[in-house]
Amino acid sequence: MRFLTLQSKDVIDASTGCKIGYVVDIEIDPLCQCIQAIIVERTSAFKFICFFKGPPCIIIPIQQILTIGEDVILVHVDCYQQATKH
């Protein structure tokens, strides 16, 4: 699967059914060359507020991904880890 295919999918929390956001990046372990996590940009009704400080992103470890379907990625997350922008 290509990264471009992942970017077109919505990320949904399986426990609540709520849309978290969409994939904007991935973390890769350079030693084993495996995906460690996906970085998801959260969707918000107040996108204009995030214009100046940038959109909030969260890191979802690969262990919390339940399935990758045709349209969505189902994840199980208890709490969100904020991603730091470099």
PDB file of N, CA and C in Angstrom:
ATOM      1  N   MET A   1       0.839  -1.175   0.000  1.00  0.00           N
ATOM      2  CA  MET A   1       0.000   0.000   0.000  1.00  0.00           C
ATOM      3  C   MET A   1       0.886   1.240   0.000  1.00  0.00           C
ATOM      4  N   ARG A   2       0.523   2.201  -0.799  1.00  0.00           N
ATOM      5  CA  ARG A   2       1.289   3.434  -0.890  1.00  0.00           C
ATOM      6  C   ARG A   2       0.788   4.453   0.128  1.00  0.00           C
ATOM      7  N   PHE A   3       1.695   5.368   0.498  1.00  0.00           N
ATOM      8  CA  PHE A   3       1.345   6.406   1.461  1.00  0.00           C
ATOM      9  C   PHE A   3       0.216   7.279   0.930  1.00  0.00           C
ATOM     10  N   LEU A   4       0.207   7.545  -0.351  1.00  0.00           N
ATOM     11  CA  LEU A   4      -0.842   8.360  -0.954  1.00  0.00           C
ATOM     12  C   LEU A   4      -2.217   7.735  -0.730  1.00  0.00           C
ATOM     13  N   THR A   5      -2.287   6.421  -0.726  1.00  0.00           N
ATOM     14  CA  THR A   5      -3.550   5.724  -0.461  1.00  0.00           C
ATOM     15  C   THR A   5      -3.982   5.928   0.984  1.00  0.00           C
ATOM     16  N   LEU A   6      -3.031   5.910   1.920  1.00  0.00           N
ATOM     17  CA  LEU A   6      -3.356   6.146   3.328  1.00  0.00           C
ATOM     18  C   LEU A   6      -3.875   7.557   3.557  1.00  0.00           C
ATOM     19  N   GLN A   7      -3.324   8.527   2.846  1.00  0.00           N
ATOM     20  CA  GLN A   7      -3.719   9.915   3.033  1.00  0.00           C
ATOM     21  C   GLN A   7      -5.168  10.170   2.649  1.00  0.00           C
ATOM     22  N   SER A   8      -5.731   9.364   1.798  1.00  0.00           N
ATOM     23  CA  SER A   8      -7.101   9.603   1.355  1.00  0.00           C
ATOM     24  C   SER A   8      -8.135   8.971   2.286  1.00  0.00           C
ATOM     25  N   LYS A   9      -7.694   8.344   3.371  1.00  0.00           N
ATOM     26  CA  LYS A   9      -8.611   7.648   4.276  1.00  0.00           C
ATOM     27  C   LYS A   9      -8.864   8.460   5.549  1.00  0.00           C
ATOM     28  N   ASP A  10     -10.109   8.420   6.030  1.00  0.00           N
ATOM     29  CA  ASP A  10     -10.451   9.023   7.313  1.00  0.00           C
ATOM     30  C   ASP A  10     -10.023   8.083   8.426  1.00  0.00           C
ATOM     31  N   VAL A  11      -9.602   8.641   9.556  1.00  0.00           N
ATOM     32  CA  VAL A  11      -9.230   7.851  10.723  1.00  0.00           C
ATOM     33  C   VAL A  11     -10.385   7.943  11.722  1.00  0.00           C
ATOM     34  N   ILE A  12     -10.935   6.778  12.091  1.00  0.00           N
ATOM     35  CA  ILE A  12     -12.107   6.697  12.947  1.00  0.00           C
ATOM     36  C   ILE A  12     -11.758   5.959  14.233  1.00  0.00           C
ATOM     37  N   ASP A  13     -12.209   6.489  15.382  1.00  0.00           N
ATOM     38  CA  ASP A  13     -12.038   5.804  16.662  1.00  0.00           C
ATOM     39  C   ASP A  13     -13.101   4.717  16.751  1.00  0.00           C
ATOM     40  N   ALA A  14     -12.681   3.468  16.843  1.00  0.00           N
ATOM     41  CA  ALA A  14     -13.607   2.335  16.822  1.00  0.00           C
ATOM     42  C   ALA A  14     -14.514   2.304  18.043  1.00  0.00           C
ATOM     43  N   SER A  15     -14.056   2.794  19.174  1.00  0.00           N
ATOM     44  CA  SER A  15     -14.874   2.723  20.391  1.00  0.00           C
ATOM     45  C   SER A  15     -15.998   3.750  20.399  1.00  0.00           C
ATOM     46  N   THR A  16     -15.796   4.897  19.759  1.00  0.00           N
ATOM     47  CA  THR A  16     -16.826   5.942  19.762  1.00  0.00           C
ATOM     48  C   THR A  16     -17.493   6.130  18.403  1.00  0.00           C
ATOM     49  N   GLY A  17     -16.813   5.715  17.340  1.00  0.00           N
ATOM     50  CA  GLY A  17     -17.334   5.930  15.996  1.00  0.00           C
ATOM     51  C   GLY A  17     -17.102   7.332  15.481  1.00  0.00           C
ATOM     52  N   CYS A  18     -16.369   8.133  16.231  1.00  0.00           N
ATOM     53  CA  CYS A  18     -16.099   9.525  15.840  1.00  0.00           C
ATOM     54  C   CYS A  18     -14.892   9.611  14.913  1.00  0.00           C
ATOM     55  N   LYS A  19     -14.971  10.530  13.975  1.00  0.00           N
ATOM     56  CA  LYS A  19     -13.847  10.782  13.072  1.00  0.00           C
ATOM     57  C   LYS A  19     -12.788  11.570  13.828  1.00  0.00           C
ATOM     58  N   ILE A  20     -11.574  11.053  13.817  1.00  0.00           N
ATOM     59  CA  ILE A  20     -10.459  11.732  14.466  1.00  0.00           C
ATOM     60  C   ILE A  20      -9.836  12.737  13.511  1.00  0.00           C
ATOM     61  N   GLY A  21      -9.625  12.334  12.276  1.00  0.00           N
ATOM     62  CA  GLY A  21      -8.993  13.194  11.293  1.00  0.00           C
ATOM     63  C   GLY A  21      -8.540  12.384  10.111  1.00  0.00           C
ATOM     64  N   TYR A  22      -7.407  12.787   9.540  1.00  0.00           N
ATOM     65  CA  TYR A  22      -6.861  12.079   8.390  1.00  0.00           C
ATOM     66  C   TYR A  22      -5.346  12.011   8.495  1.00  0.00           C
ATOM     67  N   VAL A  23      -4.761  11.025   7.835  1.00  0.00           N
ATOM     68  CA  VAL A  23      -3.316  10.773   7.908  1.00  0.00           C
ATOM     69  C   VAL A  23      -2.564  11.856   7.145  1.00  0.00           C
ATOM     70  N   VAL A  24      -1.568  12.452   7.816  1.00  0.00           N
ATOM     71  CA  VAL A  24      -0.718  13.447   7.160  1.00  0.00           C
ATOM     72  C   VAL A  24       0.730  13.000   7.055  1.00  0.00           C
ATOM     73  N   ASP A  25       1.122  12.016   7.887  1.00  0.00           N
ATOM     74  CA  ASP A  25       2.514  11.562   7.858  1.00  0.00           C
ATOM     75  C   ASP A  25       2.592  10.214   8.576  1.00  0.00           C
ATOM     76  N   ILE A  26       3.742   9.564   8.471  1.00  0.00           N
ATOM     77  CA  ILE A  26       3.994   8.313   9.177  1.00  0.00           C
ATOM     78  C   ILE A  26       5.369   8.381   9.824  1.00  0.00           C
ATOM     79  N   GLU A  27       5.555   7.601  10.882  1.00  0.00           N
ATOM     80  CA  GLU A  27       6.865   7.451  11.516  1.00  0.00           C
ATOM     81  C   GLU A  27       7.413   6.082  11.151  1.00  0.00           C
ATOM     82  N   ILE A  28       8.656   6.059  10.701  1.00  0.00           N
ATOM     83  CA  ILE A  28       9.297   4.809  10.297  1.00  0.00           C
ATOM     84  C   ILE A  28      10.519   4.575  11.164  1.00  0.00           C
ATOM     85  N   ASP A  29      10.654   3.350  11.652  1.00  0.00           N
ATOM     86  CA  ASP A  29      11.834   2.957  12.414  1.00  0.00           C
ATOM     87  C   ASP A  29      12.952   2.697  11.406  1.00  0.00           C
ATOM     88  N   PRO A  30      14.055   3.449  11.488  1.00  0.00           N
ATOM     89  CA  PRO A  30      15.117   3.289  10.493  1.00  0.00           C
ATOM     90  C   PRO A  30      15.850   1.951  10.583  1.00  0.00           C
ATOM     91  N   LEU A  31      15.838   1.302  11.741  1.00  0.00           N
ATOM     92  CA  LEU A  31      16.547   0.035  11.887  1.00  0.00           C
ATOM     93  C   LEU A  31      15.812  -1.121  11.220  1.00  0.00           C
ATOM     94  N   CYS A  32      14.520  -1.249  11.520  1.00  0.00           N
ATOM     95  CA  CYS A  32      13.777  -2.376  10.944  1.00  0.00           C
ATOM     96  C   CYS A  32      12.985  -1.963   9.701  1.00  0.00           C
ATOM     97  N   GLN A  33      12.998  -0.682   9.396  1.00  0.00           N
ATOM     98  CA  GLN A  33      12.300  -0.128   8.229  1.00  0.00           C
ATOM     99  C   GLN A  33      10.819  -0.490   8.237  1.00  0.00           C
ATOM    100  N   CYS A  34      10.217  -0.365   9.427  1.00  0.00           N
ATOM    101  CA  CYS A  34       8.798  -0.644   9.608  1.00  0.00           C
ATOM    102  C   CYS A  34       8.084   0.628  10.061  1.00  0.00           C
ATOM    103  N   ILE A  35       6.810   0.697   9.752  1.00  0.00           N
ATOM    104  CA  ILE A  35       6.003   1.827  10.208  1.00  0.00           C
ATOM    105  C   ILE A  35       5.768   1.680  11.706  1.00  0.00           C
ATOM    106  N   GLN A  36       6.072   2.720  12.466  1.00  0.00           N
ATOM    107  CA  GLN A  36       5.878   2.713  13.914  1.00  0.00           C
ATOM    108  C   GLN A  36       4.587   3.403  14.324  1.00  0.00           C
ATOM    109  N   ALA A  37       4.172   4.432  13.577  1.00  0.00           N
ATOM    110  CA  ALA A  37       2.980   5.197  13.944  1.00  0.00           C
ATOM    111  C   ALA A  37       2.493   5.985  12.744  1.00  0.00           C
ATOM    112  N   ILE A  38       1.219   6.384  12.818  1.00  0.00           N
ATOM    113  CA  ILE A  38       0.689   7.314  11.833  1.00  0.00           C
ATOM    114  C   ILE A  38       0.446   8.642  12.543  1.00  0.00           C
ATOM    115  N   ILE A  39       0.656   9.711  11.838  1.00  0.00           N
ATOM    116  CA  ILE A  39       0.409  11.040  12.384  1.00  0.00           C
ATOM    117  C   ILE A  39      -0.860  11.552  11.728  1.00  0.00           C
ATOM    118  N   VAL A  40      -1.817  11.902  12.573  1.00  0.00           N
ATOM    119  CA  VAL A  40      -3.150  12.263  12.117  1.00  0.00           C
ATOM    120  C   VAL A  40      -3.414  13.723  12.444  1.00  0.00           C
ATOM    121  N   GLU A  41      -3.892  14.457  11.451  1.00  0.00           N
ATOM    122  CA  GLU A  41      -4.317  15.839  11.679  1.00  0.00           C
ATOM    123  C   GLU A  41      -5.778  15.802  12.080  1.00  0.00           C
ATOM    124  N   ARG A  42      -6.069  16.332  13.244  1.00  0.00           N
ATOM    125  CA  ARG A  42      -7.435  16.309  13.759  1.00  0.00           C
ATOM    126  C   ARG A  42      -8.323  17.269  12.973  1.00  0.00           C
ATOM    127  N   THR A  43      -9.555  16.840  12.768  1.00  0.00           N
ATOM    128  CA  THR A  43     -10.521  17.710  12.118  1.00  0.00           C
ATOM    129  C   THR A  43     -11.212  18.543  13.179  1.00  0.00           C
ATOM    130  N   SER A  44     -11.562  19.764  12.813  1.00  0.00           N
ATOM    131  CA  SER A  44     -12.195  20.663  13.762  1.00  0.00           C
ATOM    132  C   SER A  44     -13.178  21.558  13.027  1.00  0.00           C
ATOM    133  N   ALA A  45     -14.249  21.870  13.717  1.00  0.00           N
ATOM    134  CA  ALA A  45     -15.219  22.810  13.157  1.00  0.00           C
ATOM    135  C   ALA A  45     -14.666  24.222  13.168  1.00  0.00           C
ATOM    136  N   PHE A  46     -13.639  24.447  13.960  1.00  0.00           N
ATOM    137  CA  PHE A  46     -13.047  25.775  14.090  1.00  0.00           C
ATOM    138  C   PHE A  46     -11.690  25.839  13.402  1.00  0.00           C
ATOM    139  N   LYS A  47     -11.642  25.463  12.143  1.00  0.00           N
ATOM    140  CA  LYS A  47     -10.369  25.433  11.411  1.00  0.00           C
ATOM    141  C   LYS A  47      -9.730  26.811  11.311  1.00  0.00           C
ATOM    142  N   PHE A  48     -10.558  27.860  11.272  1.00  0.00           N
ATOM    143  CA  PHE A  48     -10.005  29.205  11.142  1.00  0.00           C
ATOM    144  C   PHE A  48      -9.230  29.616  12.388  1.00  0.00           C
ATOM    145  N   ILE A  49      -9.543  29.041  13.550  1.00  0.00           N
ATOM    146  CA  ILE A  49      -8.803  29.349  14.774  1.00  0.00           C
ATOM    147  C   ILE A  49      -7.402  28.747  14.710  1.00  0.00           C
ATOM    148  N   CYS A  50      -7.271  27.588  14.092  1.00  0.00           N
ATOM    149  CA  CYS A  50      -5.985  26.894  13.995  1.00  0.00           C
ATOM    150  C   CYS A  50      -5.095  27.467  12.900  1.00  0.00           C
ATOM    151  N   PHE A  51      -5.578  28.466  12.184  1.00  0.00           N
ATOM    152  CA  PHE A  51      -4.828  29.007  11.057  1.00  0.00           C
ATOM    153  C   PHE A  51      -3.474  29.554  11.481  1.00  0.00           C
ATOM    154  N   PHE A  52      -3.410  30.234  12.614  1.00  0.00           N
ATOM    155  CA  PHE A  52      -2.171  30.888  13.018  1.00  0.00           C
ATOM    156  C   PHE A  52      -1.210  29.963  13.763  1.00  0.00           C
ATOM    157  N   LYS A  53      -1.702  28.996  14.494  1.00  0.00           N
ATOM    158  CA  LYS A  53      -0.802  28.132  15.245  1.00  0.00           C
ATOM    159  C   LYS A  53      -0.605  26.771  14.604  1.00  0.00           C
ATOM    160  N   GLY A  54      -1.231  26.505  13.495  1.00  0.00           N
ATOM    161  CA  GLY A  54      -1.087  25.230  12.811  1.00  0.00           C
ATOM    162  C   GLY A  54      -2.093  24.221  13.320  1.00  0.00           C
ATOM    163  N   PRO A  55      -2.435  23.241  12.515  1.00  0.00           N
ATOM    164  CA  PRO A  55      -3.440  22.256  12.915  1.00  0.00           C
ATOM    165  C   PRO A  55      -2.900  21.305  13.975  1.00  0.00           C
ATOM    166  N   PRO A  56      -3.752  20.887  14.910  1.00  0.00           N
ATOM    167  CA  PRO A  56      -3.304  19.939  15.931  1.00  0.00           C
ATOM    168  C   PRO A  56      -3.140  18.539  15.332  1.00  0.00           C
ATOM    169  N   CYS A  57      -2.002  17.935  15.572  1.00  0.00           N
ATOM    170  CA  CYS A  57      -1.729  16.583  15.069  1.00  0.00           C
ATOM    171  C   CYS A  57      -1.539  15.645  16.245  1.00  0.00           C
ATOM    172  N   ILE A  58      -1.912  14.388  16.050  1.00  0.00           N
ATOM    173  CA  ILE A  58      -1.727  13.377  17.079  1.00  0.00           C
ATOM    174  C   ILE A  58      -0.972  12.201  16.484  1.00  0.00           C
ATOM    175  N   ILE A  59      -0.290  11.463  17.346  1.00  0.00           N
ATOM    176  CA  ILE A  59       0.469  10.282  16.940  1.00  0.00           C
ATOM    177  C   ILE A  59      -0.292   9.046  17.411  1.00  0.00           C
ATOM    178  N   ILE A  60      -0.584   8.145  16.481  1.00  0.00           N
ATOM    179  CA  ILE A  60      -1.266   6.899  16.815  1.00  0.00           C
ATOM    180  C   ILE A  60      -0.307   5.749  16.504  1.00  0.00           C
ATOM    181  N   PRO A  61       0.152   5.036  17.545  1.00  0.00           N
ATOM    182  CA  PRO A  61       1.071   3.900  17.324  1.00  0.00           C
ATOM    183  C   PRO A  61       0.418   2.823  16.469  1.00  0.00           C
ATOM    184  N   ILE A  62       1.224   2.104  15.732  1.00  0.00           N
ATOM    185  CA  ILE A  62       0.740   1.077  14.809  1.00  0.00           C
ATOM    186  C   ILE A  62      -0.020  -0.030  15.549  1.00  0.00           C
ATOM    187  N   GLN A  63       0.295  -0.252  16.825  1.00  0.00           N
ATOM    188  CA  GLN A  63      -0.383  -1.279  17.608  1.00  0.00           C
ATOM    189  C   GLN A  63      -1.855  -0.928  17.863  1.00  0.00           C
ATOM    190  N   GLN A  64      -2.210   0.338  17.754  1.00  0.00           N
ATOM    191  CA  GLN A  64      -3.581   0.770  18.017  1.00  0.00           C
ATOM    192  C   GLN A  64      -4.444   0.818  16.753  1.00  0.00           C
ATOM    193  N   ILE A  65      -3.873   0.452  15.616  1.00  0.00           N
ATOM    194  CA  ILE A  65      -4.650   0.385  14.377  1.00  0.00           C
ATOM    195  C   ILE A  65      -5.315  -0.976  14.314  1.00  0.00           C
ATOM    196  N   LEU A  66      -6.640  -0.976  14.233  1.00  0.00           N
ATOM    197  CA  LEU A  66      -7.390  -2.237  14.182  1.00  0.00           C
ATOM    198  C   LEU A  66      -7.470  -2.780  12.767  1.00  0.00           C
ATOM    199  N   THR A  67      -7.843  -1.923  11.826  1.00  0.00           N
ATOM    200  CA  THR A  67      -7.955  -2.361  10.433  1.00  0.00           C
ATOM    201  C   THR A  67      -7.845  -1.159   9.500  1.00  0.00           C
ATOM    202  N   ILE A  68      -7.396  -1.453   8.295  1.00  0.00           N
ATOM    203  CA  ILE A  68      -7.339  -0.443   7.240  1.00  0.00           C
ATOM    204  C   ILE A  68      -8.277  -0.905   6.143  1.00  0.00           C
ATOM    205  N   GLY A  69      -9.386  -0.191   6.004  1.00  0.00           N
ATOM    206  CA  GLY A  69     -10.379  -0.542   5.001  1.00  0.00           C
ATOM    207  C   GLY A  69     -10.212   0.268   3.735  1.00  0.00           C
ATOM    208  N   GLU A  70     -11.198   0.167   2.847  1.00  0.00           N
ATOM    209  CA  GLU A  70     -11.135   0.900   1.585  1.00  0.00           C
ATOM    210  C   GLU A  70     -11.278   2.399   1.789  1.00  0.00           C
ATOM    211  N   ASP A  71     -12.128   2.802   2.751  1.00  0.00           N
ATOM    212  CA  ASP A  71     -12.398   4.224   2.955  1.00  0.00           C
ATOM    213  C   ASP A  71     -11.889   4.770   4.275  1.00  0.00           C
ATOM    214  N   VAL A  72     -11.757   3.915   5.281  1.00  0.00           N
ATOM    215  CA  VAL A  72     -11.399   4.392   6.615  1.00  0.00           C
ATOM    216  C   VAL A  72     -10.315   3.525   7.256  1.00  0.00           C
ATOM    217  N   ILE A  73      -9.680   4.107   8.268  1.00  0.00           N
ATOM    218  CA  ILE A  73      -8.736   3.397   9.123  1.00  0.00           C
ATOM    219  C   ILE A  73      -9.356   3.392  10.516  1.00  0.00           C
ATOM    220  N   LEU A  74      -9.647   2.201  11.046  1.00  0.00           N
ATOM    221  CA  LEU A  74     -10.218   2.081  12.387  1.00  0.00           C
ATOM    222  C   LEU A  74      -9.094   1.931  13.397  1.00  0.00           C
ATOM    223  N   VAL A  75      -9.147   2.765  14.438  1.00  0.00           N
ATOM    224  CA  VAL A  75      -8.132   2.723  15.482  1.00  0.00           C
ATOM    225  C   VAL A  75      -8.812   2.646  16.838  1.00  0.00           C
ATOM    226  N   HIS A  76      -8.076   2.165  17.815  1.00  0.00           N
ATOM    227  CA  HIS A  76      -8.548   2.142  19.197  1.00  0.00           C
ATOM    228  C   HIS A  76      -7.554   2.960  20.009  1.00  0.00           C
ATOM    229  N   VAL A  77      -7.990   4.125  20.441  1.00  0.00           N
ATOM    230  CA  VAL A  77      -7.111   4.991  21.222  1.00  0.00           C
ATOM    231  C   VAL A  77      -7.809   5.402  22.506  1.00  0.00           C
ATOM    232  N   ASP A  78      -7.061   5.337  23.613  1.00  0.00           N
ATOM    233  CA  ASP A  78      -7.586   5.781  24.900  1.00  0.00           C
ATOM    234  C   ASP A  78      -7.320   7.267  25.105  1.00  0.00           C
ATOM    235  N   CYS A  79      -6.167   7.695  24.681  1.00  0.00           N
ATOM    236  CA  CYS A  79      -5.830   9.117  24.781  1.00  0.00           C
ATOM    237  C   CYS A  79      -4.952   9.472  23.590  1.00  0.00           C
ATOM    238  N   TYR A  80      -4.958  10.712  23.242  1.00  0.00           N
ATOM    239  CA  TYR A  80      -4.206  11.180  22.083  1.00  0.00           C
ATOM    240  C   TYR A  80      -2.871  11.765  22.539  1.00  0.00           C
ATOM    241  N   GLN A  81      -1.829  11.474  21.788  1.00  0.00           N
ATOM    242  CA  GLN A  81      -0.516  12.034  22.047  1.00  0.00           C
ATOM    243  C   GLN A  81      -0.277  13.140  21.028  1.00  0.00           C
ATOM    244  N   GLN A  82      -0.043  14.338  21.503  1.00  0.00           N
ATOM    245  CA  GLN A  82       0.200  15.458  20.616  1.00  0.00           C
ATOM    246  C   GLN A  82       1.515  15.292  19.863  1.00  0.00           C
ATOM    247  N   ALA A  83       1.503  15.568  18.598  1.00  0.00           N
ATOM    248  CA  ALA A  83       2.728  15.522  17.803  1.00  0.00           C
ATOM    249  C   ALA A  83       3.399  16.877  17.876  1.00  0.00           C
ATOM    250  N   THR A  84       4.706  16.863  17.889  1.00  0.00           N
ATOM    251  CA  THR A  84       5.446  18.119  17.905  1.00  0.00           C
ATOM    252  C   THR A  84       5.876  18.435  16.492  1.00  0.00           C
ATOM    253  N   LYS A  85       5.677  19.663  16.096  1.00  0.00           N
ATOM    254  CA  LYS A  85       6.084  20.100  14.752  1.00  0.00           C
ATOM    255  C   LYS A  85       7.549  20.501  14.789  1.00  0.00           C
ATOM    256  N   HIS A  86       8.291  20.049  13.797  1.00  0.00           N
ATOM    257  CA  HIS A  86       9.728  20.367  13.711  1.00  0.00           C
ATOM    258  C   HIS A  86       9.927  21.530  12.797  1.00  0.00           C
TER     259      HIS A  86
END
